[in-house]
């Protein structure tokens, strides 16, 4: 499997690290007939050492910056970071 076909690169502004992640711009329903976009990235825990709420991740291909609003490790070495567009 070619990682470039499935992953997006992001830069963590605090650490300067560039990481490959699965990027999801998922729509969620807030209330009946009202949807919202909740971007999130799925990544390896080892790629985000010491991540904290407010960390900024910038998508390399678009230069779009997102801040971390949620941190959901799954206990297997994978974490879902909930993002908010800055």
Protein backbone atom coordinates (compact mmCIF):
# COMPACT_ATOMS: atom_id res chain seq x y z
CA UNK A 1 0.00 0.00 0.00
CA UNK A 2 1.32 3.44 -0.93
CA UNK A 3 1.18 5.72 2.12
CA UNK A 4 1.00 8.81 -0.11
CA UNK A 5 -2.41 7.72 -1.40
CA UNK A 6 -3.98 7.57 2.05
CA UNK A 7 -2.12 10.01 4.27
CA UNK A 8 -1.86 13.78 4.59
CA UNK A 9 1.17 15.56 5.99
CA UNK A 10 0.78 18.00 8.88
CA UNK A 11 3.31 20.13 10.75
CA UNK A 12 3.04 20.50 14.53
CA UNK A 13 3.88 24.18 15.15
CA UNK A 14 5.07 23.55 18.72
CA UNK A 15 7.49 20.72 17.93
CA UNK A 16 8.26 21.47 14.28
CA UNK A 17 7.67 17.80 13.41
CA UNK A 18 6.04 16.86 10.12
CA UNK A 19 3.84 13.79 10.47
CA UNK A 20 1.73 11.68 8.13
CA UNK A 21 -1.84 11.25 9.34
CA UNK A 22 -5.29 10.19 8.23
CA UNK A 23 -7.25 13.44 7.90
CA UNK A 24 -11.02 13.39 8.22
CA UNK A 25 -13.33 16.33 7.64
CA UNK A 26 -16.39 14.60 9.06
CA UNK A 27 -19.84 16.17 9.03
CA UNK A 28 -21.80 15.88 12.26
CA UNK A 29 -25.39 16.80 13.04
CA UNK A 30 -25.63 19.44 15.75
CA UNK A 31 -29.40 19.64 15.88
CA UNK A 32 -32.06 18.48 13.44
CA UNK A 33 -31.16 19.71 9.93
CA UNK A 34 -28.01 21.52 11.13
CA UNK A 35 -24.63 19.98 10.31
CA UNK A 36 -21.13 21.03 11.21
CA UNK A 37 -17.69 20.07 9.99
CA UNK A 38 -15.45 18.56 12.67
CA UNK A 39 -11.97 17.97 11.30
CA UNK A 40 -9.84 15.31 12.97
CA UNK A 41 -6.56 13.53 12.41
CA UNK A 42 -5.69 9.95 13.30
CA UNK A 43 -2.04 9.38 14.03
CA UNK A 44 0.49 7.30 15.95
CA UNK A 45 1.04 8.35 19.57
CA UNK A 46 4.79 8.39 18.93
CA UNK A 47 4.29 11.12 16.29
CA UNK A 48 2.66 13.55 18.72
CA UNK A 49 4.78 13.58 21.88
CA UNK A 50 3.30 15.78 24.59
CA UNK A 51 0.44 17.04 22.43
CA UNK A 52 -1.81 19.48 24.30
CA UNK A 53 -5.05 21.31 23.66
CA UNK A 54 -4.27 24.40 21.64
CA UNK A 55 -1.37 22.87 19.70
CA UNK A 56 -1.48 24.02 16.08
CA UNK A 57 -1.24 21.52 13.21
CA UNK A 58 -0.91 22.89 9.68
CA UNK A 59 -1.88 20.81 6.66
CA UNK A 60 1.14 20.92 4.35
CA UNK A 61 -0.80 20.72 1.06
CA UNK A 62 -3.15 23.63 1.86
CA UNK A 63 -1.33 25.61 4.59
CA UNK A 64 -4.59 25.45 6.58
CA UNK A 65 -3.98 25.64 10.34
CA UNK A 66 -6.03 23.74 12.91
CA UNK A 67 -5.86 23.78 16.71
CA UNK A 68 -6.29 20.71 18.90
CA UNK A 69 -9.56 20.74 20.84
CA UNK A 70 -9.72 17.05 21.74
CA UNK A 71 -7.26 14.24 22.36
CA UNK A 72 -8.64 10.69 22.21
CA UNK A 73 -5.96 7.97 22.52
CA UNK A 74 -7.35 4.48 21.93
CA UNK A 75 -4.85 2.62 24.12
CA UNK A 76 -3.22 0.78 21.21
CA UNK A 77 -0.79 3.49 20.13
CA UNK A 78 -3.23 5.40 17.93
CA UNK A 79 -4.79 8.77 18.79
CA UNK A 80 -7.64 10.73 17.29
CA UNK A 81 -7.06 14.47 17.59
CA UNK A 82 -10.17 16.60 17.24
CA UNK A 83 -9.36 19.87 15.52
CA UNK A 84 -10.82 23.30 15.04
CA UNK A 85 -10.00 25.48 12.04
CA UNK A 86 -8.14 28.61 13.13
